[in-house]
Amino acid sequence: MKGKGAIMEHDHHFLSQEGIPSGFGMGLAQNLRALDKFASMSEKEKRTVIEGAKKQQSRDEMKNYIDNI
């Protein structure tokens, strides 16, 4: 079983490779529930969530998007 640190390291690597919006990465870091849910997703689900994040037009939209992951 992977430790939480290993999961977060894997997701950090995944996020840096996927070219995510910086606001999405920072928002996940501030919302541990959303981060945990994101970490448990398949690679395909993560890509879909990242594509949705790229469509957010403001800080408030991004926060709401992350809150609803």
Protein backbone atom coordinates (compact mmCIF):
# COMPACT_ATOMS: atom_id res chain seq x y z
CA MET A 1 0.00 0.00 0.00
CA LYS A 2 1.34 3.40 -0.94
CA GLY A 3 1.73 6.03 1.72
CA LYS A 4 0.04 9.39 1.32
CA GLY A 5 3.41 10.99 0.53
CA ALA A 6 3.96 8.58 -2.36
CA ILE A 7 0.49 9.29 -3.72
CA MET A 8 0.99 13.05 -3.50
CA GLU A 9 4.42 12.75 -5.15
CA HIS A 10 2.86 10.72 -7.99
CA ASP A 11 0.09 13.29 -8.43
CA HIS A 12 2.57 16.19 -8.35
CA HIS A 13 4.49 14.47 -11.17
CA PHE A 14 1.23 13.81 -13.05
CA LEU A 15 0.11 17.43 -12.66
CA SER A 16 3.41 18.89 -13.81
CA GLN A 17 3.32 16.69 -16.94
CA GLU A 18 -0.26 17.57 -17.81
CA GLY A 19 0.30 21.33 -17.99
CA ILE A 20 -2.43 22.26 -15.56
CA PRO A 21 -3.42 25.83 -14.77
CA SER A 22 -1.44 27.08 -11.77
CA GLY A 23 -4.66 28.13 -10.04
CA PHE A 24 -5.89 24.55 -10.17
CA GLY A 25 -2.74 23.19 -8.55
CA MET A 26 -2.77 25.86 -5.86
CA GLY A 27 -6.48 25.34 -5.27
CA LEU A 28 -6.03 21.60 -4.82
CA ALA A 29 -3.26 22.26 -2.31
CA GLN A 30 -5.70 24.37 -0.29
CA ASN A 31 -8.57 21.88 -0.44
CA LEU A 32 -7.47 18.55 1.01
CA ARG A 33 -10.83 16.87 0.38
CA ALA A 34 -10.61 17.71 -3.33
CA LEU A 35 -6.93 16.73 -3.40
CA ASP A 36 -7.72 13.33 -1.88
CA LYS A 37 -10.55 12.76 -4.34
CA PHE A 38 -8.35 13.83 -7.26
CA ALA A 39 -5.58 11.51 -6.04
CA SER A 40 -7.98 8.56 -6.07
CA MET A 41 -9.07 9.14 -9.69
CA SER A 42 -7.87 7.17 -12.68
CA GLU A 43 -5.46 8.87 -15.08
CA LYS A 44 -8.33 9.36 -17.55
CA GLU A 45 -10.55 10.96 -14.90
CA LYS A 46 -7.69 13.26 -13.88
CA ARG A 47 -7.19 14.40 -17.47
CA THR A 48 -10.92 15.15 -17.76
CA VAL A 49 -10.85 17.20 -14.54
CA ILE A 50 -7.76 19.09 -15.74
CA GLU A 51 -9.42 19.89 -19.06
CA GLY A 52 -12.40 21.26 -17.12
CA ALA A 53 -10.07 23.35 -14.97
CA LYS A 54 -8.60 24.93 -18.11
CA LYS A 55 -12.06 26.28 -18.96
CA GLN A 56 -12.48 28.23 -15.72
CA GLN A 57 -12.36 31.97 -16.35
CA SER A 58 -11.81 33.45 -12.90
CA ARG A 59 -10.43 32.68 -9.46
CA ASP A 60 -13.98 32.28 -8.11
CA GLU A 61 -14.92 29.87 -10.92
CA MET A 62 -11.78 27.82 -10.24
CA LYS A 63 -12.48 27.70 -6.49
CA ASN A 64 -16.06 26.58 -7.15
CA TYR A 65 -14.83 23.98 -9.66
CA ILE A 66 -12.33 22.58 -7.16
CA ASP A 67 -14.88 22.63 -4.34
CA ASN A 68 -17.14 20.46 -6.49
CA ILE A 69 -14.60 17.80 -7.43
